[in-house]
């Protein structure tokens, strides 16, 4: 589930083996 303001720009992923979650943020804006 994504906030409307970040849809299409941010991607969340996780690696359960590493107990790690990531947030890839592209096309960043000052309001981010």
ModelCIF file with pLDDT and N, C-alpha, C, O atoms, coordinates in Angstrom:
data_MODEL
#
_entry.id   MODEL 
#
_entity.id                         1 
_entity.type                       polymer 
_entity.pdbx_number_of_molecules   1 
#
_entity_poly.entity_id                      1 
_entity_poly.type                           'polypeptide(L)' 
_entity_poly.nstd_linkage                   no 
_entity_poly.nstd_monomer                   no 
_entity_poly.pdbx_seq_one_letter_code       
;(UNK)(UNK)(UNK)(UNK)(UNK)(UNK)(UNK)(UNK)(UNK)(UNK)(UNK)(UNK)(UNK)(UNK)(UNK)(UNK)
(UNK)(UNK)(UNK)(UNK)(UNK)(UNK)(UNK)(UNK)(UNK)(UNK)(UNK)(UNK)(UNK)(UNK)(UNK)(UNK)
;
_entity_poly.pdbx_seq_one_letter_code_can   XXXXXXXXXXXXXXXXXXXXXXXXXXXXXXXX 
_entity_poly.pdbx_strand_id                 A 
#
loop_
_entity_poly_seq.entity_id 
_entity_poly_seq.num 
_entity_poly_seq.mon_id 
_entity_poly_seq.hetero 
1 1  UNK n 
1 2  UNK n 
1 3  UNK n 
1 4  UNK n 
1 5  UNK n 
1 6  UNK n 
1 7  UNK n 
1 8  UNK n 
1 9  UNK n 
1 10 UNK n 
1 11 UNK n 
1 12 UNK n 
1 13 UNK n 
1 14 UNK n 
1 15 UNK n 
1 16 UNK n 
1 17 UNK n 
1 18 UNK n 
1 19 UNK n 
1 20 UNK n 
1 21 UNK n 
1 22 UNK n 
1 23 UNK n 
1 24 UNK n 
1 25 UNK n 
1 26 UNK n 
1 27 UNK n 
1 28 UNK n 
1 29 UNK n 
1 30 UNK n 
1 31 UNK n 
1 32 UNK n 
#
_struct_asym.id          A 
_struct_asym.entity_id   1 
#
loop_
_ma_qa_metric.id 
_ma_qa_metric.mode 
_ma_qa_metric.name 
_ma_qa_metric.software_group_id 
_ma_qa_metric.type 
1 global pLDDT . pLDDT 
2 local  pLDDT . pLDDT 
#
_ma_qa_metric_global.metric_id      1 
_ma_qa_metric_global.metric_value   96.03 
_ma_qa_metric_global.model_id       1 
_ma_qa_metric_global.ordinal_id     1 
#
loop_
_ma_qa_metric_local.label_asym_id 
_ma_qa_metric_local.label_comp_id 
_ma_qa_metric_local.label_seq_id 
_ma_qa_metric_local.metric_id 
_ma_qa_metric_local.metric_value 
_ma_qa_metric_local.model_id 
_ma_qa_metric_local.ordinal_id 
A UNK 1  2 97.00 1 1  
A UNK 2  2 98.00 1 2  
A UNK 3  2 98.00 1 3  
A UNK 4  2 98.00 1 4  
A UNK 5  2 97.00 1 5  
A UNK 6  2 98.00 1 6  
A UNK 7  2 98.00 1 7  
A UNK 8  2 97.00 1 8  
A UNK 9  2 98.00 1 9  
A UNK 10 2 98.00 1 10 
A UNK 11 2 98.00 1 11 
A UNK 12 2 98.00 1 12 
A UNK 13 2 96.00 1 13 
A UNK 14 2 93.00 1 14 
A UNK 15 2 91.00 1 15 
A UNK 16 2 87.00 1 16 
A UNK 17 2 89.00 1 17 
A UNK 18 2 91.00 1 18 
A UNK 19 2 90.00 1 19 
A UNK 20 2 93.00 1 20 
A UNK 21 2 95.00 1 21 
A UNK 22 2 97.00 1 22 
A UNK 23 2 98.00 1 23 
A UNK 24 2 98.00 1 24 
A UNK 25 2 98.00 1 25 
A UNK 26 2 98.00 1 26 
A UNK 27 2 98.00 1 27 
A UNK 28 2 98.00 1 28 
A UNK 29 2 98.00 1 29 
A UNK 30 2 97.00 1 30 
A UNK 31 2 97.00 1 31 
A UNK 32 2 98.00 1 32 
#
loop_
_atom_site.group_PDB 
_atom_site.id 
_atom_site.type_symbol 
_atom_site.label_atom_id 
_atom_site.label_alt_id 
_atom_site.label_comp_id 
_atom_site.label_asym_id 
_atom_site.label_entity_id 
_atom_site.label_seq_id 
_atom_site.pdbx_PDB_ins_code 
_atom_site.Cartn_x 
_atom_site.Cartn_y 
_atom_site.Cartn_z 
_atom_site.occupancy 
_atom_site.B_iso_or_equiv 
_atom_site.pdbx_formal_charge 
_atom_site.auth_seq_id 
_atom_site.auth_comp_id 
_atom_site.auth_asym_id 
_atom_site.auth_atom_id 
_atom_site.pdbx_PDB_model_num 
ATOM 1   N N  . UNK A 1 1  ? 0.859  -1.169  0.000   1.00 97.00 ? 1  UNK A N  1 
ATOM 2   C CA . UNK A 1 1  ? 0.000  0.000   0.000   1.00 97.00 ? 1  UNK A CA 1 
ATOM 3   C C  . UNK A 1 1  ? 0.906  1.233   0.000   1.00 97.00 ? 1  UNK A C  1 
ATOM 4   O O  . UNK A 1 1  ? 1.855  1.326   0.779   1.00 97.00 ? 1  UNK A O  1 
ATOM 5   N N  . UNK A 1 2  ? 0.593  2.175   -0.890  1.00 98.00 ? 2  UNK A N  1 
ATOM 6   C CA . UNK A 1 2  ? 1.407  3.376   -1.030  1.00 98.00 ? 2  UNK A CA 1 
ATOM 7   C C  . UNK A 1 2  ? 0.561  4.626   -0.832  1.00 98.00 ? 2  UNK A C  1 
ATOM 8   O O  . UNK A 1 2  ? -0.631 4.644   -1.139  1.00 98.00 ? 2  UNK A O  1 
ATOM 9   N N  . UNK A 1 3  ? 1.195  5.662   -0.318  1.00 98.00 ? 3  UNK A N  1 
ATOM 10  C CA . UNK A 1 3  ? 0.554  6.968   -0.306  1.00 98.00 ? 3  UNK A CA 1 
ATOM 11  C C  . UNK A 1 3  ? 0.371  7.424   -1.752  1.00 98.00 ? 3  UNK A C  1 
ATOM 12  O O  . UNK A 1 3  ? 1.215  7.145   -2.604  1.00 98.00 ? 3  UNK A O  1 
ATOM 13  N N  . UNK A 1 4  ? -0.722 8.117   -2.026  1.00 98.00 ? 4  UNK A N  1 
ATOM 14  C CA . UNK A 1 4  ? -0.990 8.582   -3.383  1.00 98.00 ? 4  UNK A CA 1 
ATOM 15  C C  . UNK A 1 4  ? 0.144  9.452   -3.912  1.00 98.00 ? 4  UNK A C  1 
ATOM 16  O O  . UNK A 1 4  ? 0.454  9.424   -5.103  1.00 98.00 ? 4  UNK A O  1 
ATOM 17  N N  . UNK A 1 5  ? 0.747  10.206  -3.041  1.00 97.00 ? 5  UNK A N  1 
ATOM 18  C CA . UNK A 1 5  ? 1.778  11.161  -3.463  1.00 97.00 ? 5  UNK A CA 1 
ATOM 19  C C  . UNK A 1 5  ? 3.067  10.493  -3.926  1.00 97.00 ? 5  UNK A C  1 
ATOM 20  O O  . UNK A 1 5  ? 3.898  11.141  -4.563  1.00 97.00 ? 5  UNK A O  1 
ATOM 21  N N  . UNK A 1 6  ? 3.251  9.203   -3.618  1.00 98.00 ? 6  UNK A N  1 
ATOM 22  C CA . UNK A 1 6  ? 4.501  8.529   -3.990  1.00 98.00 ? 6  UNK A CA 1 
ATOM 23  C C  . UNK A 1 6  ? 4.278  7.401   -4.991  1.00 98.00 ? 6  UNK A C  1 
ATOM 24  O O  . UNK A 1 6  ? 5.242  6.803   -5.469  1.00 98.00 ? 6  UNK A O  1 
ATOM 25  N N  . UNK A 1 7  ? 3.036  7.105   -5.312  1.00 98.00 ? 7  UNK A N  1 
ATOM 26  C CA . UNK A 1 7  ? 2.751  6.016   -6.256  1.00 98.00 ? 7  UNK A CA 1 
ATOM 27  C C  . UNK A 1 7  ? 3.439  6.274   -7.589  1.00 98.00 ? 7  UNK A C  1 
ATOM 28  O O  . UNK A 1 7  ? 3.389  7.381   -8.125  1.00 98.00 ? 7  UNK A O  1 
ATOM 29  N N  . UNK A 1 8  ? 4.079  5.240   -8.113  1.00 97.00 ? 8  UNK A N  1 
ATOM 30  C CA . UNK A 1 8  ? 4.789  5.352   -9.375  1.00 97.00 ? 8  UNK A CA 1 
ATOM 31  C C  . UNK A 1 8  ? 6.210  5.860   -9.235  1.00 97.00 ? 8  UNK A C  1 
ATOM 32  O O  . UNK A 1 8  ? 6.981  5.808   -10.193 1.00 97.00 ? 8  UNK A O  1 
ATOM 33  N N  . UNK A 1 9  ? 6.568  6.350   -8.058  1.00 98.00 ? 9  UNK A N  1 
ATOM 34  C CA . UNK A 1 9  ? 7.933  6.868   -7.838  1.00 98.00 ? 9  UNK A CA 1 
ATOM 35  C C  . UNK A 1 9  ? 8.696  6.041   -6.797  1.00 98.00 ? 9  UNK A C  1 
ATOM 36  O O  . UNK A 1 9  ? 9.905  5.845   -6.919  1.00 98.00 ? 9  UNK A O  1 
ATOM 37  N N  . UNK A 1 10 ? 7.987  5.563   -5.783  1.00 98.00 ? 10 UNK A N  1 
ATOM 38  C CA . UNK A 1 10 ? 8.620  4.803   -4.701  1.00 98.00 ? 10 UNK A CA 1 
ATOM 39  C C  . UNK A 1 10 ? 8.234  3.337   -4.808  1.00 98.00 ? 10 UNK A C  1 
ATOM 40  O O  . UNK A 1 10 ? 7.136  2.998   -5.250  1.00 98.00 ? 10 UNK A O  1 
ATOM 41  N N  . UNK A 1 11 ? 9.163  2.466   -4.393  1.00 98.00 ? 11 UNK A N  1 
ATOM 42  C CA . UNK A 1 11 ? 8.904  1.035   -4.375  1.00 98.00 ? 11 UNK A CA 1 
ATOM 43  C C  . UNK A 1 11 ? 9.409  0.444   -3.073  1.00 98.00 ? 11 UNK A C  1 
ATOM 44  O O  . UNK A 1 11 ? 10.567 0.631   -2.700  1.00 98.00 ? 11 UNK A O  1 
ATOM 45  N N  . UNK A 1 12 ? 8.528  -0.275  -2.383  1.00 98.00 ? 12 UNK A N  1 
ATOM 46  C CA . UNK A 1 12 ? 8.924  -0.958  -1.158  1.00 98.00 ? 12 UNK A CA 1 
ATOM 47  C C  . UNK A 1 12 ? 9.205  -2.422  -1.478  1.00 98.00 ? 12 UNK A C  1 
ATOM 48  O O  . UNK A 1 12 ? 8.494  -3.050  -2.263  1.00 98.00 ? 12 UNK A O  1 
ATOM 49  N N  . UNK A 1 13 ? 10.242 -2.946  -0.863  1.00 96.00 ? 13 UNK A N  1 
ATOM 50  C CA . UNK A 1 13 ? 10.566 -4.357  -1.026  1.00 96.00 ? 13 UNK A CA 1 
ATOM 51  C C  . UNK A 1 13 ? 11.149 -4.866  0.285   1.00 96.00 ? 13 UNK A C  1 
ATOM 52  O O  . UNK A 1 13 ? 11.529 -4.080  1.153   1.00 96.00 ? 13 UNK A O  1 
ATOM 53  N N  . UNK A 1 14 ? 11.214 -6.165  0.419   1.00 93.00 ? 14 UNK A N  1 
ATOM 54  C CA . UNK A 1 14 ? 11.771 -6.724  1.645   1.00 93.00 ? 14 UNK A CA 1 
ATOM 55  C C  . UNK A 1 14 ? 12.496 -8.019  1.331   1.00 93.00 ? 14 UNK A C  1 
ATOM 56  O O  . UNK A 1 14 ? 12.154 -8.745  0.398   1.00 93.00 ? 14 UNK A O  1 
ATOM 57  N N  . UNK A 1 15 ? 13.501 -8.281  2.135   1.00 91.00 ? 15 UNK A N  1 
ATOM 58  C CA . UNK A 1 15 ? 14.268 -9.514  2.063   1.00 91.00 ? 15 UNK A CA 1 
ATOM 59  C C  . UNK A 1 15 ? 14.086 -10.193 3.411   1.00 91.00 ? 15 UNK A C  1 
ATOM 60  O O  . UNK A 1 15 ? 14.742 -9.842  4.391   1.00 91.00 ? 15 UNK A O  1 
ATOM 61  N N  . UNK A 1 16 ? 13.191 -11.166 3.448   1.00 87.00 ? 16 UNK A N  1 
ATOM 62  C CA . UNK A 1 16 ? 12.892 -11.810 4.734   1.00 87.00 ? 16 UNK A CA 1 
ATOM 63  C C  . UNK A 1 16 ? 14.098 -12.563 5.290   1.00 87.00 ? 16 UNK A C  1 
ATOM 64  O O  . UNK A 1 16 ? 14.257 -12.674 6.506   1.00 87.00 ? 16 UNK A O  1 
ATOM 65  N N  . UNK A 1 17 ? 14.932 -13.071 4.416   1.00 89.00 ? 17 UNK A N  1 
ATOM 66  C CA . UNK A 1 17 ? 16.120 -13.801 4.880   1.00 89.00 ? 17 UNK A CA 1 
ATOM 67  C C  . UNK A 1 17 ? 17.067 -12.872 5.645   1.00 89.00 ? 17 UNK A C  1 
ATOM 68  O O  . UNK A 1 17 ? 17.801 -13.306 6.533   1.00 89.00 ? 17 UNK A O  1 
ATOM 69  N N  . UNK A 1 18 ? 17.035 -11.587 5.283   1.00 91.00 ? 18 UNK A N  1 
ATOM 70  C CA . UNK A 1 18 ? 17.900 -10.609 5.937   1.00 91.00 ? 18 UNK A CA 1 
ATOM 71  C C  . UNK A 1 18 ? 17.152 -9.755  6.953   1.00 91.00 ? 18 UNK A C  1 
ATOM 72  O O  . UNK A 1 18 ? 17.737 -8.872  7.581   1.00 91.00 ? 18 UNK A O  1 
ATOM 73  N N  . UNK A 1 19 ? 15.857 -10.020 7.113   1.00 90.00 ? 19 UNK A N  1 
ATOM 74  C CA . UNK A 1 19 ? 15.048 -9.183  8.018   1.00 90.00 ? 19 UNK A CA 1 
ATOM 75  C C  . UNK A 1 19 ? 15.197 -7.705  7.672   1.00 90.00 ? 19 UNK A C  1 
ATOM 76  O O  . UNK A 1 19 ? 15.340 -6.864  8.559   1.00 90.00 ? 19 UNK A O  1 
ATOM 77  N N  . UNK A 1 20 ? 15.163 -7.397  6.384   1.00 93.00 ? 20 UNK A N  1 
ATOM 78  C CA . UNK A 1 20 ? 15.418 -6.036  5.922   1.00 93.00 ? 20 UNK A CA 1 
ATOM 79  C C  . UNK A 1 20 ? 14.307 -5.602  4.971   1.00 93.00 ? 20 UNK A C  1 
ATOM 80  O O  . UNK A 1 20 ? 13.849 -6.374  4.128   1.00 93.00 ? 20 UNK A O  1 
ATOM 81  N N  . UNK A 1 21 ? 13.886 -4.349  5.129   1.00 95.00 ? 21 UNK A N  1 
ATOM 82  C CA . UNK A 1 21 ? 12.917 -3.746  4.219   1.00 95.00 ? 21 UNK A CA 1 
ATOM 83  C C  . UNK A 1 21 ? 13.582 -2.532  3.567   1.00 95.00 ? 21 UNK A C  1 
ATOM 84  O O  . UNK A 1 21 ? 14.359 -1.816  4.199   1.00 95.00 ? 21 UNK A O  1 
ATOM 85  N N  . UNK A 1 22 ? 13.261 -2.321  2.304   1.00 97.00 ? 22 UNK A N  1 
ATOM 86  C CA . UNK A 1 22 ? 13.879 -1.249  1.522   1.00 97.00 ? 22 UNK A CA 1 
ATOM 87  C C  . UNK A 1 22 ? 12.808 -0.298  0.989   1.00 97.00 ? 22 UNK A C  1 
ATOM 88  O O  . UNK A 1 22 ? 11.644 -0.665  0.831   1.00 97.00 ? 22 UNK A O  1 
ATOM 89  N N  . UNK A 1 23 ? 13.233 0.909   0.724   1.00 98.00 ? 23 UNK A N  1 
ATOM 90  C CA . UNK A 1 23 ? 12.375 1.864   0.038   1.00 98.00 ? 23 UNK A CA 1 
ATOM 91  C C  . UNK A 1 23 ? 13.207 2.528   -1.053  1.00 98.00 ? 23 UNK A C  1 
ATOM 92  O O  . UNK A 1 23 ? 14.087 3.341   -0.770  1.00 98.00 ? 23 UNK A O  1 
ATOM 93  N N  . UNK A 1 24 ? 12.919 2.170   -2.299  1.00 98.00 ? 24 UNK A N  1 
ATOM 94  C CA . UNK A 1 24 ? 13.567 2.796   -3.439  1.00 98.00 ? 24 UNK A CA 1 
ATOM 95  C C  . UNK A 1 24 ? 12.767 4.037   -3.805  1.00 98.00 ? 24 UNK A C  1 
ATOM 96  O O  . UNK A 1 24 ? 11.577 3.947   -4.106  1.00 98.00 ? 24 UNK A O  1 
ATOM 97  N N  . UNK A 1 25 ? 13.414 5.188   -3.778  1.00 98.00 ? 25 UNK A N  1 
ATOM 98  C CA . UNK A 1 25 ? 12.731 6.450   -4.039  1.00 98.00 ? 25 UNK A CA 1 
ATOM 99  C C  . UNK A 1 25 ? 13.329 7.088   -5.286  1.00 98.00 ? 25 UNK A C  1 
ATOM 100 O O  . UNK A 1 25 ? 14.507 7.442   -5.306  1.00 98.00 ? 25 UNK A O  1 
ATOM 101 N N  . UNK A 1 26 ? 12.522 7.229   -6.311  1.00 98.00 ? 26 UNK A N  1 
ATOM 102 C CA . UNK A 1 26 ? 12.952 7.826   -7.577  1.00 98.00 ? 26 UNK A CA 1 
ATOM 103 C C  . UNK A 1 26 ? 12.176 9.116   -7.822  1.00 98.00 ? 26 UNK A C  1 
ATOM 104 O O  . UNK A 1 26 ? 11.145 9.369   -7.199  1.00 98.00 ? 26 UNK A O  1 
ATOM 105 N N  . UNK A 1 27 ? 12.689 9.914   -8.731  1.00 98.00 ? 27 UNK A N  1 
ATOM 106 C CA . UNK A 1 27 ? 12.039 11.180  -9.104  1.00 98.00 ? 27 UNK A CA 1 
ATOM 107 C C  . UNK A 1 27 ? 11.670 11.997  -7.867  1.00 98.00 ? 27 UNK A C  1 
ATOM 108 O O  . UNK A 1 27 ? 10.545 12.480  -7.733  1.00 98.00 ? 27 UNK A O  1 
ATOM 109 N N  . UNK A 1 28 ? 12.615 12.135  -6.998  1.00 98.00 ? 28 UNK A N  1 
ATOM 110 C CA . UNK A 1 28 ? 12.349 12.816  -5.729  1.00 98.00 ? 28 UNK A CA 1 
ATOM 111 C C  . UNK A 1 28 ? 12.019 14.283  -5.932  1.00 98.00 ? 28 UNK A C  1 
ATOM 112 O O  . UNK A 1 28 ? 12.550 14.948  -6.822  1.00 98.00 ? 28 UNK A O  1 
ATOM 113 N N  . UNK A 1 29 ? 11.126 14.767  -5.079  1.00 98.00 ? 29 UNK A N  1 
ATOM 114 C CA . UNK A 1 29 ? 10.657 16.150  -5.130  1.00 98.00 ? 29 UNK A CA 1 
ATOM 115 C C  . UNK A 1 29 ? 10.970 16.843  -3.806  1.00 98.00 ? 29 UNK A C  1 
ATOM 116 O O  . UNK A 1 29 ? 11.128 16.173  -2.786  1.00 98.00 ? 29 UNK A O  1 
ATOM 117 N N  . UNK A 1 30 ? 11.061 18.154  -3.806  1.00 97.00 ? 30 UNK A N  1 
ATOM 118 C CA . UNK A 1 30 ? 11.315 18.863  -2.542  1.00 97.00 ? 30 UNK A CA 1 
ATOM 119 C C  . UNK A 1 30 ? 10.293 18.517  -1.455  1.00 97.00 ? 30 UNK A C  1 
ATOM 120 O O  . UNK A 1 30 ? 10.630 18.495  -0.271  1.00 97.00 ? 30 UNK A O  1 
ATOM 121 N N  . UNK A 1 31 ? 9.060  18.250  -1.848  1.00 97.00 ? 31 UNK A N  1 
ATOM 122 C CA . UNK A 1 31 ? 8.032  17.910  -0.867  1.00 97.00 ? 31 UNK A CA 1 
ATOM 123 C C  . UNK A 1 31 ? 8.212  16.526  -0.265  1.00 97.00 ? 31 UNK A C  1 
ATOM 124 O O  . UNK A 1 31 ? 7.484  16.158  0.656   1.00 97.00 ? 31 UNK A O  1 
ATOM 125 N N  . UNK A 1 32 ? 9.163  15.757  -0.765  1.00 98.00 ? 32 UNK A N  1 
ATOM 126 C CA . UNK A 1 32 ? 9.490  14.467  -0.144  1.00 98.00 ? 32 UNK A CA 1 
ATOM 127 C C  . UNK A 1 32 ? 10.440 14.645  1.037   1.00 98.00 ? 32 UNK A C  1 
ATOM 128 O O  . UNK A 1 32 ? 10.820 13.665  1.677   1.00 98.00 ? 32 UNK A O  1 
#
